[in-house]
PDB file of all heavy atoms in Angstrom:
ATOM      1  N   ARG A   1      -1.455   9.894  10.731  1.00  0.00           N
ATOM      2  CA  ARG A   1      -0.795  11.205  11.135  1.00  0.00           C
ATOM      3  C   ARG A   1      -1.119  11.624  12.689  1.00  0.00           C
ATOM      4  O   ARG A   1      -0.170  11.861  13.399  1.00  0.00           O
ATOM      5  CB  ARG A   1      -1.073  12.277  10.256  1.00  0.00           C
ATOM      6  CG  ARG A   1      -0.421  12.281   9.009  1.00  0.00           C
ATOM      7  CD  ARG A   1      -0.703  13.613   8.290  1.00  0.00           C
ATOM      8  NE  ARG A   1      -0.054  13.506   6.903  1.00  0.00           N
ATOM      9  CZ  ARG A   1      -0.666  13.311   5.837  1.00  0.00           C
ATOM     10  NH1 ARG A   1      -1.902  12.962   5.771  1.00  0.00           N
ATOM     11  NH2 ARG A   1       0.042  13.267   4.761  1.00  0.00           N
ATOM     12  N   ARG A   2      -2.424  11.337  12.995  1.00  0.00           N
ATOM     13  CA  ARG A   2      -2.832  11.784  14.333  1.00  0.00           C
ATOM     14  C   ARG A   2      -2.140  10.847  15.407  1.00  0.00           C
ATOM     15  O   ARG A   2      -1.839  11.341  16.507  1.00  0.00           O
ATOM     16  CB  ARG A   2      -4.330  11.752  14.439  1.00  0.00           C
ATOM     17  CG  ARG A   2      -5.083  12.907  13.965  1.00  0.00           C
ATOM     18  CD  ARG A   2      -6.446  12.911  14.276  1.00  0.00           C
ATOM     19  NE  ARG A   2      -7.183  12.876  12.974  1.00  0.00           N
ATOM     20  CZ  ARG A   2      -8.148  11.946  12.790  1.00  0.00           C
ATOM     21  NH1 ARG A   2      -8.740  11.320  13.860  1.00  0.00           N
ATOM     22  NH2 ARG A   2      -8.645  11.890  11.705  1.00  0.00           N
ATOM     23  N   LEU A   3      -1.788   9.660  14.980  1.00  0.00           N
ATOM     24  CA  LEU A   3      -1.198   8.744  15.866  1.00  0.00           C
ATOM     25  C   LEU A   3       0.351   8.994  15.887  1.00  0.00           C
ATOM     26  O   LEU A   3       1.199   8.110  16.453  1.00  0.00           O
ATOM     27  CB  LEU A   3      -1.454   7.318  15.495  1.00  0.00           C
ATOM     28  CG  LEU A   3      -2.996   6.908  15.859  1.00  0.00           C
ATOM     29  CD1 LEU A   3      -3.303   5.572  15.218  1.00  0.00           C
ATOM     30  CD2 LEU A   3      -3.199   6.964  17.247  1.00  0.00           C
ATOM     31  N   GLY A   4       0.845   9.888  15.040  1.00  0.00           N
ATOM     32  CA  GLY A   4       2.353  10.197  15.059  1.00  0.00           C
ATOM     33  C   GLY A   4       3.034   9.342  14.091  1.00  0.00           C
ATOM     34  O   GLY A   4       4.294   9.177  14.266  1.00  0.00           O
ATOM     35  N   ARG A   5       2.487   8.602  13.166  1.00  0.00           N
ATOM     36  CA  ARG A   5       3.124   7.645  12.246  1.00  0.00           C
ATOM     37  C   ARG A   5       3.686   8.391  11.118  1.00  0.00           C
ATOM     38  O   ARG A   5       3.121   9.502  10.716  1.00  0.00           O
ATOM     39  CB  ARG A   5       2.266   6.559  11.866  1.00  0.00           C
ATOM     40  CG  ARG A   5       1.533   5.806  12.953  1.00  0.00           C
ATOM     41  CD  ARG A   5       2.569   5.156  13.755  1.00  0.00           C
ATOM     42  NE  ARG A   5       1.993   4.263  14.739  1.00  0.00           N
ATOM     43  CZ  ARG A   5       2.100   4.424  16.035  1.00  0.00           C
ATOM     44  NH1 ARG A   5       2.918   5.411  16.572  1.00  0.00           N
ATOM     45  NH2 ARG A   5       1.527   3.498  16.877  1.00  0.00           N
ATOM     46  N   LYS A   6       4.777   7.894  10.652  1.00  0.00           N
ATOM     47  CA  LYS A   6       5.521   8.487   9.465  1.00  0.00           C
ATOM     48  C   LYS A   6       5.302   7.739   8.038  1.00  0.00           C
ATOM     49  O   LYS A   6       5.451   8.403   7.065  1.00  0.00           O
ATOM     50  CB  LYS A   6       6.985   8.519   9.771  1.00  0.00           C
ATOM     51  CG  LYS A   6       7.355   9.121  11.043  1.00  0.00           C
ATOM     52  CD  LYS A   6       7.637  10.550  10.857  1.00  0.00           C
ATOM     53  CE  LYS A   6       8.170  11.192  12.145  1.00  0.00           C
ATOM     54  NZ  LYS A   6       8.078  12.611  12.152  1.00  0.00           N
ATOM     55  N   ARG A   7       4.729   6.549   8.158  1.00  0.00           N
ATOM     56  CA  ARG A   7       4.585   5.764   6.988  1.00  0.00           C
ATOM     57  C   ARG A   7       3.415   4.671   7.234  1.00  0.00           C
ATOM     58  O   ARG A   7       3.330   4.231   8.305  1.00  0.00           O
ATOM     59  CB  ARG A   7       5.843   5.168   6.422  1.00  0.00           C
ATOM     60  CG  ARG A   7       6.511   4.136   7.297  1.00  0.00           C
ATOM     61  CD  ARG A   7       7.868   3.816   6.874  1.00  0.00           C
ATOM     62  NE  ARG A   7       8.827   4.913   6.844  1.00  0.00           N
ATOM     63  CZ  ARG A   7       9.529   5.243   7.970  1.00  0.00           C
ATOM     64  NH1 ARG A   7       9.343   4.658   9.125  1.00  0.00           N
ATOM     65  NH2 ARG A   7      10.309   6.270   7.866  1.00  0.00           N
ATOM     66  N   ILE A   8       2.987   4.288   6.126  1.00  0.00           N
ATOM     67  CA  ILE A   8       2.025   3.145   6.074  1.00  0.00           C
ATOM     68  C   ILE A   8       2.600   2.144   5.251  1.00  0.00           C
ATOM     69  O   ILE A   8       3.103   2.444   4.036  1.00  0.00           O
ATOM     70  CB  ILE A   8       0.631   3.631   5.531  1.00  0.00           C
ATOM     71  CG1 ILE A   8       0.006   4.597   6.487  1.00  0.00           C
ATOM     72  CG2 ILE A   8      -0.233   2.416   5.327  1.00  0.00           C
ATOM     73  CD1 ILE A   8      -1.267   5.188   5.981  1.00  0.00           C
ATOM     74  N   ILE A   9       2.606   0.812   5.670  1.00  0.00           N
ATOM     75  CA  ILE A   9       3.278  -0.198   4.940  1.00  0.00           C
ATOM     76  C   ILE A   9       2.247  -1.288   4.649  1.00  0.00           C
ATOM     77  O   ILE A   9       1.525  -1.746   5.457  1.00  0.00           O
ATOM     78  CB  ILE A   9       4.459  -0.734   5.656  1.00  0.00           C
ATOM     79  CG1 ILE A   9       5.524   0.296   6.018  1.00  0.00           C
ATOM     80  CG2 ILE A   9       5.122  -2.045   4.872  1.00  0.00           C
ATOM     81  CD1 ILE A   9       6.540  -0.237   6.842  1.00  0.00           C
ATOM     82  N   LEU A  10       2.196  -1.678   3.288  1.00  0.00           N
ATOM     83  CA  LEU A  10       1.297  -2.814   2.918  1.00  0.00           C
ATOM     84  C   LEU A  10       2.162  -4.050   3.045  1.00  0.00           C
ATOM     85  O   LEU A  10       2.707  -4.508   1.957  1.00  0.00           O
ATOM     86  CB  LEU A  10       0.724  -2.646   1.671  1.00  0.00           C
ATOM     87  CG  LEU A  10      -0.127  -1.337   1.287  1.00  0.00           C
ATOM     88  CD1 LEU A  10      -0.435  -1.392  -0.272  1.00  0.00           C
ATOM     89  CD2 LEU A  10      -1.274  -1.408   2.113  1.00  0.00           C
ATOM     90  N   LEU A  11       2.228  -4.690   4.140  1.00  0.00           N
ATOM     91  CA  LEU A  11       2.976  -5.895   4.269  1.00  0.00           C
ATOM     92  C   LEU A  11       2.106  -7.020   3.615  1.00  0.00           C
ATOM     93  O   LEU A  11       1.011  -7.277   4.057  1.00  0.00           O
ATOM     94  CB  LEU A  11       3.216  -6.300   5.696  1.00  0.00           C
ATOM     95  CG  LEU A  11       4.137  -5.207   6.520  1.00  0.00           C
ATOM     96  CD1 LEU A  11       4.210  -5.624   7.856  1.00  0.00           C
ATOM     97  CD2 LEU A  11       5.549  -5.215   5.734  1.00  0.00           C
ATOM     98  N   GLY A  12       2.789  -7.593   2.729  1.00  0.00           N
ATOM     99  CA  GLY A  12       2.069  -8.647   1.926  1.00  0.00           C
ATOM    100  C   GLY A  12       0.736  -8.101   1.216  1.00  0.00           C
ATOM    101  O   GLY A  12      -0.186  -8.718   0.886  1.00  0.00           O
ATOM    102  N   GLY A  13       0.895  -6.854   0.859  1.00  0.00           N
ATOM    103  CA  GLY A  13      -0.243  -6.011   0.483  1.00  0.00           C
ATOM    104  C   GLY A  13      -0.851  -6.295  -0.735  1.00  0.00           C
ATOM    105  O   GLY A  13      -2.141  -6.326  -0.824  1.00  0.00           O
ATOM    106  N   VAL A  14      -0.164  -6.523  -1.849  1.00  0.00           N
ATOM    107  CA  VAL A  14      -0.850  -6.539  -3.189  1.00  0.00           C
ATOM    108  C   VAL A  14      -0.164  -7.650  -4.049  1.00  0.00           C
ATOM    109  O   VAL A  14       1.046  -7.897  -4.027  1.00  0.00           O
ATOM    110  CB  VAL A  14      -0.767  -5.246  -3.911  1.00  0.00           C
ATOM    111  CG1 VAL A  14       0.541  -4.841  -4.250  1.00  0.00           C
ATOM    112  CG2 VAL A  14      -1.722  -5.294  -5.092  1.00  0.00           C
ATOM    113  N   LEU A  15      -1.071  -8.459  -4.598  1.00  0.00           N
ATOM    114  CA  LEU A  15      -0.506  -9.479  -5.589  1.00  0.00           C
ATOM    115  C   LEU A  15       0.162  -8.913  -6.695  1.00  0.00           C
ATOM    116  O   LEU A  15      -0.328  -7.950  -7.358  1.00  0.00           O
ATOM    117  CB  LEU A  15      -1.613 -10.426  -6.011  1.00  0.00           C
ATOM    118  CG  LEU A  15      -2.262 -11.323  -4.901  1.00  0.00           C
ATOM    119  CD1 LEU A  15      -3.456 -12.048  -5.469  1.00  0.00           C
ATOM    120  CD2 LEU A  15      -1.330 -12.146  -4.290  1.00  0.00           C
ATOM    121  N   ALA A  16       1.300  -9.355  -7.136  1.00  0.00           N
ATOM    122  CA  ALA A  16       2.119  -8.925  -8.321  1.00  0.00           C
ATOM    123  C   ALA A  16       1.382  -8.871  -9.628  1.00  0.00           C
ATOM    124  O   ALA A  16       1.640  -8.132 -10.541  1.00  0.00           O
ATOM    125  CB  ALA A  16       3.409  -9.588  -8.486  1.00  0.00           C
ATOM    126  N   ASP A  17       0.408  -9.813  -9.764  1.00  0.00           N
ATOM    127  CA  ASP A  17      -0.320 -10.013 -10.892  1.00  0.00           C
ATOM    128  C   ASP A  17      -1.644  -9.109 -10.963  1.00  0.00           C
ATOM    129  O   ASP A  17      -2.621  -9.560 -11.789  1.00  0.00           O
ATOM    130  CB  ASP A  17      -0.550 -11.420 -11.436  1.00  0.00           C
ATOM    131  CG  ASP A  17      -1.368 -12.267 -10.361  1.00  0.00           C
ATOM    132  OD1 ASP A  17      -1.808 -11.638  -9.414  1.00  0.00           O
ATOM    133  OD2 ASP A  17      -1.786 -13.372 -10.661  1.00  0.00           O
ATOM    134  N   ASN A  18      -1.825  -8.201 -10.122  1.00  0.00           N
ATOM    135  CA  ASN A  18      -2.888  -7.368  -9.932  1.00  0.00           C
ATOM    136  C   ASN A  18      -2.539  -5.967 -10.344  1.00  0.00           C
ATOM    137  O   ASN A  18      -2.464  -5.137  -9.536  1.00  0.00           O
ATOM    138  CB  ASN A  18      -3.538  -7.431  -8.582  1.00  0.00           C
ATOM    139  CG  ASN A  18      -4.953  -6.715  -8.525  1.00  0.00           C
ATOM    140  OD1 ASN A  18      -5.321  -6.099  -9.259  1.00  0.00           O
ATOM    141  ND2 ASN A  18      -5.566  -7.178  -7.380  1.00  0.00           N
ATOM    142  N   PRO A  19      -2.382  -5.624 -11.632  1.00  0.00           N
ATOM    143  CA  PRO A  19      -2.099  -4.283 -12.102  1.00  0.00           C
ATOM    144  C   PRO A  19      -2.959  -3.200 -11.721  1.00  0.00           C
ATOM    145  O   PRO A  19      -2.619  -2.102 -11.337  1.00  0.00           O
ATOM    146  CB  PRO A  19      -1.937  -4.389 -13.568  1.00  0.00           C
ATOM    147  CG  PRO A  19      -2.795  -5.667 -13.985  1.00  0.00           C
ATOM    148  CD  PRO A  19      -2.727  -6.529 -12.769  1.00  0.00           C
ATOM    149  N   ARG A  20      -4.277  -3.430 -11.535  1.00  0.00           N
ATOM    150  CA  ARG A  20      -5.244  -2.427 -11.138  1.00  0.00           C
ATOM    151  C   ARG A  20      -5.033  -2.016  -9.731  1.00  0.00           C
ATOM    152  O   ARG A  20      -4.975  -0.786  -9.370  1.00  0.00           O
ATOM    153  CB  ARG A  20      -6.666  -2.782 -11.260  1.00  0.00           C
ATOM    154  CG  ARG A  20      -7.211  -3.040 -12.736  1.00  0.00           C
ATOM    155  CD  ARG A  20      -8.590  -3.248 -12.776  1.00  0.00           C
ATOM    156  NE  ARG A  20      -9.420  -2.430 -12.191  1.00  0.00           N
ATOM    157  CZ  ARG A  20     -10.685  -2.442 -11.914  1.00  0.00           C
ATOM    158  NH1 ARG A  20     -11.362  -3.686 -12.251  1.00  0.00           N
ATOM    159  NH2 ARG A  20     -11.348  -1.411 -11.437  1.00  0.00           N
ATOM    160  N   ALA A  21      -4.635  -2.889  -8.839  1.00  0.00           N
ATOM    161  CA  ALA A  21      -4.395  -2.627  -7.496  1.00  0.00           C
ATOM    162  C   ALA A  21      -3.237  -1.905  -7.251  1.00  0.00           C
ATOM    163  O   ALA A  21      -2.922  -0.860  -6.561  1.00  0.00           O
ATOM    164  CB  ALA A  21      -4.424  -3.860  -6.503  1.00  0.00           C
ATOM    165  N   ILE A  22      -2.070  -2.369  -7.995  1.00  0.00           N
ATOM    166  CA  ILE A  22      -0.809  -1.678  -8.057  1.00  0.00           C
ATOM    167  C   ILE A  22      -0.912  -0.224  -8.456  1.00  0.00           C
ATOM    168  O   ILE A  22      -0.385   0.729  -7.819  1.00  0.00           O
ATOM    169  CB  ILE A  22       0.233  -2.369  -8.845  1.00  0.00           C
ATOM    170  CG1 ILE A  22       0.471  -3.804  -8.249  1.00  0.00           C
ATOM    171  CG2 ILE A  22       1.559  -1.744  -8.986  1.00  0.00           C
ATOM    172  CD1 ILE A  22       1.149  -4.785  -9.264  1.00  0.00           C
ATOM    173  N   ARG A  23      -1.591   0.035  -9.568  1.00  0.00           N
ATOM    174  CA  ARG A  23      -1.871   1.356 -10.109  1.00  0.00           C
ATOM    175  C   ARG A  23      -2.632   2.263  -9.181  1.00  0.00           C
ATOM    176  O   ARG A  23      -2.230   3.325  -8.891  1.00  0.00           O
ATOM    177  CB  ARG A  23      -2.632   1.195 -11.407  1.00  0.00           C
ATOM    178  CG  ARG A  23      -2.449   2.538 -12.307  1.00  0.00           C
ATOM    179  CD  ARG A  23      -2.969   2.177 -13.683  1.00  0.00           C
ATOM    180  NE  ARG A  23      -4.110   1.240 -13.814  1.00  0.00           N
ATOM    181  CZ  ARG A  23      -4.008   0.094 -14.367  1.00  0.00           C
ATOM    182  NH1 ARG A  23      -2.781  -0.287 -14.762  1.00  0.00           N
ATOM    183  NH2 ARG A  23      -4.957  -0.642 -14.578  1.00  0.00           N
ATOM    184  N   TYR A  24      -3.646   1.649  -8.378  1.00  0.00           N
ATOM    185  CA  TYR A  24      -4.386   2.294  -7.429  1.00  0.00           C
ATOM    186  C   TYR A  24      -3.436   2.909  -6.404  1.00  0.00           C
ATOM    187  O   TYR A  24      -3.430   4.027  -5.904  1.00  0.00           O
ATOM    188  CB  TYR A  24      -5.433   1.459  -6.807  1.00  0.00           C
ATOM    189  CG  TYR A  24      -6.132   2.042  -5.618  1.00  0.00           C
ATOM    190  CD1 TYR A  24      -7.170   2.936  -5.746  1.00  0.00           C
ATOM    191  CD2 TYR A  24      -5.751   1.725  -4.325  1.00  0.00           C
ATOM    192  CE1 TYR A  24      -7.756   3.611  -4.660  1.00  0.00           C
ATOM    193  CE2 TYR A  24      -6.274   2.193  -3.251  1.00  0.00           C
ATOM    194  CZ  TYR A  24      -7.331   3.323  -3.424  1.00  0.00           C
ATOM    195  OH  TYR A  24      -7.958   3.834  -2.414  1.00  0.00           O
ATOM    196  N   TYR A  25      -2.676   1.984  -5.725  1.00  0.00           N
ATOM    197  CA  TYR A  25      -1.730   2.163  -4.631  1.00  0.00           C
ATOM    198  C   TYR A  25      -0.713   3.409  -5.133  1.00  0.00           C
ATOM    199  O   TYR A  25      -0.410   4.293  -4.422  1.00  0.00           O
ATOM    200  CB  TYR A  25      -1.187   1.085  -4.036  1.00  0.00           C
ATOM    201  CG  TYR A  25      -1.982   0.342  -3.149  1.00  0.00           C
ATOM    202  CD1 TYR A  25      -2.383  -0.945  -3.549  1.00  0.00           C
ATOM    203  CD2 TYR A  25      -2.525   0.823  -1.962  1.00  0.00           C
ATOM    204  CE1 TYR A  25      -3.207  -1.765  -2.732  1.00  0.00           C
ATOM    205  CE2 TYR A  25      -3.361   0.079  -1.274  1.00  0.00           C
ATOM    206  CZ  TYR A  25      -3.725  -1.256  -1.561  1.00  0.00           C
ATOM    207  OH  TYR A  25      -4.697  -1.901  -0.770  1.00  0.00           O
ATOM    208  N   GLN A  26      -0.206   3.168  -6.270  1.00  0.00           N
ATOM    209  CA  GLN A  26       0.818   4.121  -6.819  1.00  0.00           C
ATOM    210  C   GLN A  26       0.271   5.518  -7.037  1.00  0.00           C
ATOM    211  O   GLN A  26       0.906   6.557  -6.783  1.00  0.00           O
ATOM    212  CB  GLN A  26       1.445   3.602  -8.131  1.00  0.00           C
ATOM    213  CG  GLN A  26       2.422   2.431  -7.932  1.00  0.00           C
ATOM    214  CD  GLN A  26       2.820   1.851  -9.195  1.00  0.00           C
ATOM    215  OE1 GLN A  26       2.231   1.900 -10.179  1.00  0.00           O
ATOM    216  NE2 GLN A  26       4.163   1.294  -9.153  1.00  0.00           N
TER     217      GLN A  26
END
């Protein structure tokens, strides 16, 4: 936010078979 950004993108961010990580980000 301080840098004036509107969004954060996890490019290649999480493996589809990692439900704990997906849940954490959600």
